[in-house]
Amino acid sequence: MGHRRKAREYALQAMYMHETVQKSAEELVGLAWVENSINEEIRNFAVSLIKTAIAHIEAIDELIKKHSKNWSFERLSAVDKSILRISICEMLYYSNIPPAVTINEGIELGKIYGGESSGQFINGVLDAIRRDEIKREV
């Protein structure tokens, strides 16, 4: 598994904790809840994703609401919401990562950690955001 995939998994766990038990960004970026040592590159990317996603959570959530057709934001599972948040964060604020890579990673996280139709749902939302909101070449 690549370093960025592992970092995304840590960021997903952190965003899930932020959503479900209202842990603060400061508590989450310490990664004290991780049970084993973390490679520096993985830690740095995970911390960056967590901080950036939480800093921009309102704008990210507005995009989720705008592009999740026929789903109320409140009905989304905490896992799907967390995956969407880190994926949208990556698409908006990490121009060095191609949106197609981010979408693929989001789909994979949805298949692993989400419900039966999470991968499809995440794909639809992220692709709509890529198409309508991302202003750089893909």
Protein backbone atom coordinates (compact mmCIF):
# COMPACT_ATOMS: atom_id res chain seq x y z
CA MET A 1 0.00 0.00 0.00
CA GLY A 2 1.31 3.44 -0.91
CA HIS A 3 2.20 6.14 1.58
CA ARG A 4 -0.61 8.41 0.45
CA ARG A 5 -3.24 5.65 0.72
CA LYS A 6 -2.18 4.98 4.31
CA ALA A 7 -2.22 8.72 5.08
CA ARG A 8 -5.72 8.95 3.60
CA GLU A 9 -6.84 6.11 5.86
CA TYR A 10 -5.52 7.98 8.92
CA ALA A 11 -7.20 11.17 7.70
CA LEU A 12 -10.44 9.22 7.21
CA GLN A 13 -10.24 7.92 10.78
CA ALA A 14 -9.58 11.43 12.08
CA MET A 15 -12.46 12.97 10.14
CA TYR A 16 -14.73 10.18 11.35
CA MET A 17 -13.78 11.01 14.95
CA HIS A 18 -14.30 14.69 14.24
CA GLU A 19 -17.81 13.91 12.96
CA THR A 20 -18.89 11.38 15.57
CA VAL A 21 -17.27 12.49 18.83
CA GLN A 22 -16.40 16.09 17.96
CA LYS A 23 -12.65 15.73 18.50
CA SER A 24 -10.82 18.97 17.79
CA ALA A 25 -8.26 19.39 15.04
CA GLU A 26 -5.53 19.74 17.68
CA GLU A 27 -6.45 16.40 19.25
CA LEU A 28 -6.65 14.67 15.88
CA VAL A 29 -3.43 15.88 14.26
CA GLY A 30 -1.36 14.59 17.16
CA LEU A 31 -2.30 11.14 15.86
CA ALA A 32 -1.99 9.86 19.44
CA TRP A 33 -4.91 7.54 18.69
CA VAL A 34 -2.80 5.60 16.17
CA GLU A 35 -1.55 2.39 17.75
CA ASN A 36 1.74 2.00 15.88
CA SER A 37 4.55 4.26 14.71
CA ILE A 38 3.97 6.20 11.54
CA ASN A 39 6.46 6.93 8.79
CA GLU A 40 7.21 10.68 8.64
CA GLU A 41 5.94 11.06 5.05
CA ILE A 42 2.64 9.38 5.93
CA ARG A 43 2.28 11.46 9.09
CA ASN A 44 2.95 14.74 7.28
CA PHE A 45 0.41 14.08 4.52
CA ALA A 46 -2.24 12.82 6.98
CA VAL A 47 -1.79 15.84 9.27
CA SER A 48 -1.95 18.21 6.30
CA LEU A 49 -5.17 16.59 5.03
CA ILE A 50 -6.79 16.65 8.48
CA LYS A 51 -5.91 20.30 9.16
CA THR A 52 -6.93 21.48 5.70
CA ALA A 53 -10.21 19.53 5.65
CA ILE A 54 -11.24 20.81 9.07
CA ALA A 55 -10.20 24.38 8.24
CA HIS A 56 -12.41 24.33 5.13
CA ILE A 57 -15.17 22.02 6.36
CA GLU A 58 -18.02 24.49 5.79
CA ALA A 59 -17.10 25.08 2.14
CA ILE A 60 -16.51 21.36 1.59
CA ASP A 61 -19.86 20.47 3.16
CA GLU A 62 -21.62 22.99 0.91
CA LEU A 63 -20.16 21.20 -2.12
CA ILE A 64 -21.31 17.85 -0.77
CA LYS A 65 -24.83 19.24 -0.28
CA LYS A 66 -24.84 20.79 -3.75
CA HIS A 67 -23.68 17.66 -5.55
CA SER A 68 -25.27 14.78 -3.61
CA LYS A 69 -28.38 14.40 -5.70
CA ASN A 70 -31.42 12.97 -3.91
CA TRP A 71 -29.56 12.59 -0.60
CA SER A 72 -29.92 14.85 2.37
CA PHE A 73 -26.60 15.72 3.97
CA GLU A 74 -27.90 14.65 7.38
CA ARG A 75 -28.64 11.13 6.09
CA LEU A 76 -25.12 10.49 4.83
CA SER A 77 -23.16 8.00 6.90
CA ALA A 78 -20.29 9.40 8.93
CA VAL A 79 -17.88 7.24 6.92
CA ASP A 80 -19.12 8.45 3.52
CA LYS A 81 -19.15 12.05 4.74
CA SER A 82 -15.57 11.68 6.02
CA ILE A 83 -14.34 10.14 2.76
CA LEU A 84 -16.01 12.90 0.76
CA ARG A 85 -14.51 15.57 2.99
CA ILE A 86 -10.92 14.40 2.60
CA SER A 87 -11.35 13.71 -1.13
CA ILE A 88 -12.91 17.09 -1.86
CA CYS A 89 -10.24 18.75 0.27
CA GLU A 90 -7.59 17.04 -1.81
CA MET A 91 -9.25 18.03 -5.08
CA LEU A 92 -9.57 21.68 -4.05
CA TYR A 93 -6.36 22.33 -2.13
CA TYR A 94 -3.74 19.87 -3.44
CA SER A 95 -3.18 20.85 -7.05
CA ASN A 96 -0.19 18.50 -7.30
CA ILE A 97 -2.52 15.48 -7.07
CA PRO A 98 -4.60 14.79 -10.20
CA PRO A 99 -8.35 14.79 -9.47
CA ALA A 100 -8.69 11.37 -11.16
CA VAL A 101 -6.27 9.89 -8.60
CA THR A 102 -8.19 11.49 -5.73
CA ILE A 103 -11.52 10.20 -7.06
CA ASN A 104 -10.12 6.68 -7.46
CA GLU A 105 -8.73 6.75 -3.91
CA GLY A 106 -12.07 7.99 -2.55
CA ILE A 107 -13.92 5.20 -4.34
CA GLU A 108 -11.51 2.60 -2.97
CA LEU A 109 -11.88 3.92 0.59
CA GLY A 110 -15.65 3.78 0.12
CA LYS A 111 -15.50 0.17 -1.02
CA ILE A 112 -13.31 -0.80 1.94
CA TYR A 113 -14.88 1.22 4.75
CA GLY A 114 -18.31 2.30 3.52
CA GLY A 115 -21.57 0.59 2.83
CA GLU A 116 -22.65 -1.49 -0.13
CA SER A 117 -23.23 1.45 -2.47
CA SER A 118 -20.65 3.86 -1.00
CA GLY A 119 -18.19 3.49 -3.87
CA GLN A 120 -20.79 4.42 -6.48
CA PHE A 121 -22.19 7.29 -4.42
CA ILE A 122 -18.73 8.72 -3.71
CA ASN A 123 -17.80 8.39 -7.38
CA GLY A 124 -20.91 10.32 -8.45
CA VAL A 125 -20.39 13.18 -6.01
CA LEU A 126 -16.65 13.52 -6.61
CA ASP A 127 -16.99 13.33 -10.39
CA ALA A 128 -19.69 16.04 -10.35
CA ILE A 129 -17.45 18.27 -8.23
CA ARG A 130 -14.48 17.62 -10.51
CA ARG A 131 -16.57 18.49 -13.56
CA ASP A 132 -18.32 21.57 -12.12
CA GLU A 133 -15.95 23.02 -9.51
CA ILE A 134 -12.31 22.19 -10.29
CA LYS A 135 -10.79 24.87 -12.48
CA ARG A 136 -7.47 23.24 -13.36
CA GLU A 137 -6.60 20.79 -16.11
CA VAL A 138 -7.33 17.16 -15.29
